Amino acid sequence: MSDEIQKQPEAQPEAQQGADQAGADLTINDLNAMKTIIDIASQRGAFKPNEMVAVGTTYNKLSTFLDTVAAQQKAQQATAPAAPGA
């Protein structure tokens, strides 16, 4: 026989559940704001030199993602049928 006790998964605290739901509300506008914040913070010298690679890599990924989303939205608008009465 084994003396091991199997742990049951613990329920998430309400604060964590609320944070998960709030994270689902992240929008493209939020990501654009984050990009702007990174840009301003880097201009003001908020990052140490050893942090610049990680910040720059993240900024570039974010910028590429936002450019891709913008291109997709533009393509969808171009192929969308005209609204009736327009």
N, C-alpha and C. Protein backbone atom coordinates (compact mmCIF):
# COMPACT_ATOMS: atom_id res chain seq x y z
N MET A 1 0.84 -1.18 0.00
CA MET A 1 0.00 0.00 0.00
C MET A 1 0.88 1.24 0.00
N SER A 2 0.37 2.25 -0.58
CA SER A 2 1.12 3.49 -0.68
C SER A 2 0.58 4.51 0.31
N ASP A 3 1.50 5.22 0.94
CA ASP A 3 1.09 6.25 1.89
C ASP A 3 0.93 7.61 1.21
N GLU A 4 1.05 7.64 -0.11
CA GLU A 4 0.93 8.91 -0.82
C GLU A 4 -0.51 9.38 -0.83
N ILE A 5 -0.66 10.67 -0.67
CA ILE A 5 -1.99 11.27 -0.72
C ILE A 5 -2.08 12.05 -2.02
N GLN A 6 -3.11 11.74 -2.77
CA GLN A 6 -3.27 12.48 -4.02
C GLN A 6 -3.90 13.83 -3.73
N LYS A 7 -3.29 14.85 -4.28
CA LYS A 7 -3.80 16.20 -4.08
C LYS A 7 -4.91 16.48 -5.08
N GLN A 8 -5.95 17.09 -4.59
CA GLN A 8 -7.04 17.53 -5.45
C GLN A 8 -6.67 18.91 -5.98
N PRO A 9 -7.01 19.21 -7.24
CA PRO A 9 -6.72 20.54 -7.74
C PRO A 9 -7.46 21.58 -6.92
N GLU A 10 -6.74 22.63 -6.56
CA GLU A 10 -7.34 23.68 -5.75
C GLU A 10 -8.15 24.61 -6.64
N ALA A 11 -9.25 25.07 -6.10
CA ALA A 11 -10.07 26.03 -6.83
C ALA A 11 -9.32 27.35 -6.91
N GLN A 12 -9.49 28.04 -8.04
CA GLN A 12 -8.85 29.33 -8.19
C GLN A 12 -9.55 30.35 -7.30
N PRO A 13 -8.77 31.21 -6.68
CA PRO A 13 -9.40 32.28 -5.90
C PRO A 13 -10.20 33.19 -6.83
N GLU A 14 -11.20 33.86 -6.26
CA GLU A 14 -12.05 34.72 -7.07
C GLU A 14 -11.25 35.81 -7.77
N ALA A 15 -10.23 36.33 -7.13
CA ALA A 15 -9.42 37.38 -7.74
C ALA A 15 -8.74 36.86 -9.00
N GLN A 16 -8.26 35.62 -8.96
CA GLN A 16 -7.61 35.03 -10.13
C GLN A 16 -8.61 34.81 -11.24
N GLN A 17 -9.80 34.35 -10.91
CA GLN A 17 -10.83 34.15 -11.92
C GLN A 17 -11.19 35.47 -12.59
N GLY A 18 -11.28 36.53 -11.80
CA GLY A 18 -11.58 37.84 -12.35
C GLY A 18 -10.47 38.32 -13.27
N ALA A 19 -9.23 38.03 -12.90
CA ALA A 19 -8.09 38.42 -13.73
C ALA A 19 -8.12 37.66 -15.05
N ASP A 20 -8.49 36.38 -15.02
CA ASP A 20 -8.59 35.60 -16.24
C ASP A 20 -9.64 36.19 -17.17
N GLN A 21 -10.77 36.57 -16.62
CA GLN A 21 -11.84 37.14 -17.43
C GLN A 21 -11.43 38.50 -17.97
N ALA A 22 -10.74 39.30 -17.17
CA ALA A 22 -10.29 40.61 -17.62
C ALA A 22 -9.27 40.46 -18.75
N GLY A 23 -8.44 39.44 -18.70
CA GLY A 23 -7.47 39.19 -19.76
C GLY A 23 -8.12 38.87 -21.08
N ALA A 24 -9.30 38.32 -21.04
CA ALA A 24 -10.03 37.99 -22.25
C ALA A 24 -10.53 39.24 -22.95
N ASP A 25 -10.52 40.37 -22.26
CA ASP A 25 -11.01 41.61 -22.83
C ASP A 25 -9.90 42.41 -23.51
N LEU A 26 -8.74 41.83 -23.71
CA LEU A 26 -7.63 42.51 -24.34
C LEU A 26 -7.96 42.75 -25.81
N THR A 27 -7.83 44.00 -26.24
CA THR A 27 -8.21 44.35 -27.60
C THR A 27 -6.99 44.84 -28.39
N ILE A 28 -7.19 45.02 -29.68
CA ILE A 28 -6.14 45.56 -30.53
C ILE A 28 -5.75 46.97 -30.06
N ASN A 29 -6.74 47.73 -29.61
CA ASN A 29 -6.44 49.07 -29.09
C ASN A 29 -5.54 48.98 -27.86
N ASP A 30 -5.75 47.98 -27.01
CA ASP A 30 -4.90 47.78 -25.85
C ASP A 30 -3.46 47.47 -26.28
N LEU A 31 -3.33 46.62 -27.30
CA LEU A 31 -2.00 46.27 -27.79
C LEU A 31 -1.31 47.48 -28.41
N ASN A 32 -2.07 48.31 -29.13
CA ASN A 32 -1.49 49.55 -29.67
C ASN A 32 -1.03 50.46 -28.55
N ALA A 33 -1.82 50.52 -27.47
CA ALA A 33 -1.43 51.34 -26.32
C ALA A 33 -0.15 50.80 -25.69
N MET A 34 -0.03 49.48 -25.59
CA MET A 34 1.19 48.88 -25.03
C MET A 34 2.40 49.22 -25.89
N LYS A 35 2.22 49.19 -27.20
CA LYS A 35 3.32 49.54 -28.12
C LYS A 35 3.75 50.98 -27.88
N THR A 36 2.80 51.87 -27.74
CA THR A 36 3.09 53.28 -27.49
C THR A 36 3.80 53.45 -26.15
N ILE A 37 3.35 52.74 -25.14
CA ILE A 37 3.97 52.82 -23.81
C ILE A 37 5.43 52.37 -23.87
N ILE A 38 5.69 51.28 -24.57
CA ILE A 38 7.08 50.79 -24.71
C ILE A 38 7.92 51.84 -25.42
N ASP A 39 7.36 52.43 -26.48
CA ASP A 39 8.09 53.44 -27.24
C ASP A 39 8.43 54.65 -26.37
N ILE A 40 7.46 55.16 -25.63
CA ILE A 40 7.68 56.32 -24.76
C ILE A 40 8.67 55.99 -23.65
N ALA A 41 8.50 54.82 -23.03
CA ALA A 41 9.39 54.43 -21.94
C ALA A 41 10.83 54.29 -22.43
N SER A 42 11.03 53.75 -23.62
CA SER A 42 12.39 53.61 -24.13
C SER A 42 13.00 54.97 -24.46
N GLN A 43 12.18 55.89 -24.98
CA GLN A 43 12.68 57.24 -25.27
C GLN A 43 13.10 57.96 -23.99
N ARG A 44 12.43 57.66 -22.90
CA ARG A 44 12.73 58.33 -21.62
C ARG A 44 13.80 57.61 -20.81
N GLY A 45 14.35 56.55 -21.36
CA GLY A 45 15.43 55.84 -20.69
C GLY A 45 14.97 54.98 -19.52
N ALA A 46 13.77 54.43 -19.61
CA ALA A 46 13.23 53.64 -18.51
C ALA A 46 13.82 52.23 -18.42
N PHE A 47 14.49 51.80 -19.47
CA PHE A 47 15.02 50.45 -19.49
C PHE A 47 16.54 50.48 -19.37
N LYS A 48 17.06 49.51 -18.62
CA LYS A 48 18.51 49.38 -18.48
C LYS A 48 19.06 48.78 -19.77
N PRO A 49 20.34 49.04 -20.06
CA PRO A 49 20.92 48.50 -21.30
C PRO A 49 20.77 46.99 -21.44
N ASN A 50 20.90 46.24 -20.35
CA ASN A 50 20.79 44.78 -20.44
C ASN A 50 19.35 44.32 -20.66
N GLU A 51 18.39 45.22 -20.55
CA GLU A 51 16.98 44.88 -20.78
C GLU A 51 16.53 45.22 -22.21
N MET A 52 17.34 45.98 -22.92
CA MET A 52 16.93 46.50 -24.22
C MET A 52 16.67 45.40 -25.26
N VAL A 53 17.41 44.32 -25.22
CA VAL A 53 17.20 43.24 -26.20
C VAL A 53 15.80 42.65 -26.00
N ALA A 54 15.45 42.33 -24.77
CA ALA A 54 14.13 41.74 -24.50
C ALA A 54 13.02 42.72 -24.84
N VAL A 55 13.21 43.99 -24.50
CA VAL A 55 12.21 45.01 -24.79
C VAL A 55 12.07 45.17 -26.30
N GLY A 56 13.19 45.26 -26.99
CA GLY A 56 13.17 45.43 -28.44
C GLY A 56 12.55 44.25 -29.16
N THR A 57 12.87 43.05 -28.72
CA THR A 57 12.29 41.85 -29.33
C THR A 57 10.78 41.82 -29.13
N THR A 58 10.35 42.12 -27.94
CA THR A 58 8.91 42.15 -27.64
C THR A 58 8.21 43.23 -28.45
N TYR A 59 8.84 44.41 -28.53
CA TYR A 59 8.27 45.51 -29.30
C TYR A 59 8.14 45.13 -30.77
N ASN A 60 9.16 44.50 -31.32
CA ASN A 60 9.12 44.09 -32.73
C ASN A 60 8.04 43.05 -32.99
N LYS A 61 7.89 42.09 -32.08
CA LYS A 61 6.83 41.07 -32.22
C LYS A 61 5.46 41.72 -32.17
N LEU A 62 5.29 42.63 -31.24
CA LEU A 62 4.02 43.33 -31.08
C LEU A 62 3.72 44.17 -32.32
N SER A 63 4.71 44.86 -32.82
CA SER A 63 4.55 45.69 -34.01
C SER A 63 4.19 44.85 -35.23
N THR A 64 4.88 43.73 -35.41
CA THR A 64 4.59 42.83 -36.53
C THR A 64 3.18 42.28 -36.43
N PHE A 65 2.77 41.88 -35.24
CA PHE A 65 1.41 41.36 -35.03
C PHE A 65 0.37 42.42 -35.37
N LEU A 66 0.57 43.65 -34.88
CA LEU A 66 -0.39 44.72 -35.14
C LEU A 66 -0.44 45.08 -36.62
N ASP A 67 0.70 45.05 -37.29
CA ASP A 67 0.72 45.32 -38.74
C ASP A 67 -0.04 44.23 -39.50
N THR A 68 0.12 42.98 -39.08
CA THR A 68 -0.59 41.87 -39.71
C THR A 68 -2.10 42.00 -39.51
N VAL A 69 -2.51 42.33 -38.30
CA VAL A 69 -3.93 42.49 -38.01
C VAL A 69 -4.51 43.65 -38.83
N ALA A 70 -3.78 44.75 -38.92
CA ALA A 70 -4.25 45.90 -39.70
C ALA A 70 -4.40 45.53 -41.17
N ALA A 71 -3.45 44.77 -41.70
CA ALA A 71 -3.53 44.34 -43.10
C ALA A 71 -4.73 43.41 -43.32
N GLN A 72 -4.98 42.52 -42.37
CA GLN A 72 -6.13 41.61 -42.48
C GLN A 72 -7.44 42.38 -42.44
N GLN A 73 -7.51 43.37 -41.55
CA GLN A 73 -8.73 44.17 -41.45
C GLN A 73 -8.95 44.97 -42.74
N LYS A 74 -7.88 45.49 -43.30
CA LYS A 74 -7.99 46.25 -44.54
C LYS A 74 -8.46 45.34 -45.68
N ALA A 75 -7.92 44.12 -45.73
CA ALA A 75 -8.31 43.17 -46.76
C ALA A 75 -9.78 42.76 -46.61
N GLN A 76 -10.23 42.59 -45.37
CA GLN A 76 -11.63 42.24 -45.13
C GLN A 76 -12.55 43.36 -45.56
N GLN A 77 -12.16 44.59 -45.30
CA GLN A 77 -12.98 45.74 -45.69
C GLN A 77 -13.05 45.86 -47.20
N ALA A 78 -11.96 45.54 -47.87
CA ALA A 78 -11.92 45.64 -49.34
C ALA A 78 -12.78 44.57 -49.99
N THR A 79 -12.88 43.39 -49.37
CA THR A 79 -13.65 42.30 -49.95
C THR A 79 -15.08 42.22 -49.44
N ALA A 80 -15.40 43.02 -48.42
CA ALA A 80 -16.75 42.99 -47.85
C ALA A 80 -17.72 43.63 -48.84
N PRO A 81 -18.91 43.03 -48.99
CA PRO A 81 -19.89 43.62 -49.88
C PRO A 81 -20.37 44.97 -49.35
N ALA A 82 -20.74 45.83 -50.27
CA ALA A 82 -21.22 47.15 -49.88
C ALA A 82 -22.53 47.01 -49.11
N ALA A 83 -22.71 47.86 -48.12
CA ALA A 83 -23.95 47.83 -47.33
C ALA A 83 -25.11 48.28 -48.18
N PRO A 84 -26.29 47.67 -48.00
CA PRO A 84 -27.46 48.08 -48.79
C PRO A 84 -27.80 49.53 -48.51
N GLY A 85 -28.15 50.25 -49.56
CA GLY A 85 -28.52 51.65 -49.42
C GLY A 85 -27.34 52.58 -49.36
N ALA A 86 -26.13 52.03 -49.56
CA ALA A 86 -24.94 52.89 -49.49
C ALA A 86 -24.54 53.36 -50.85
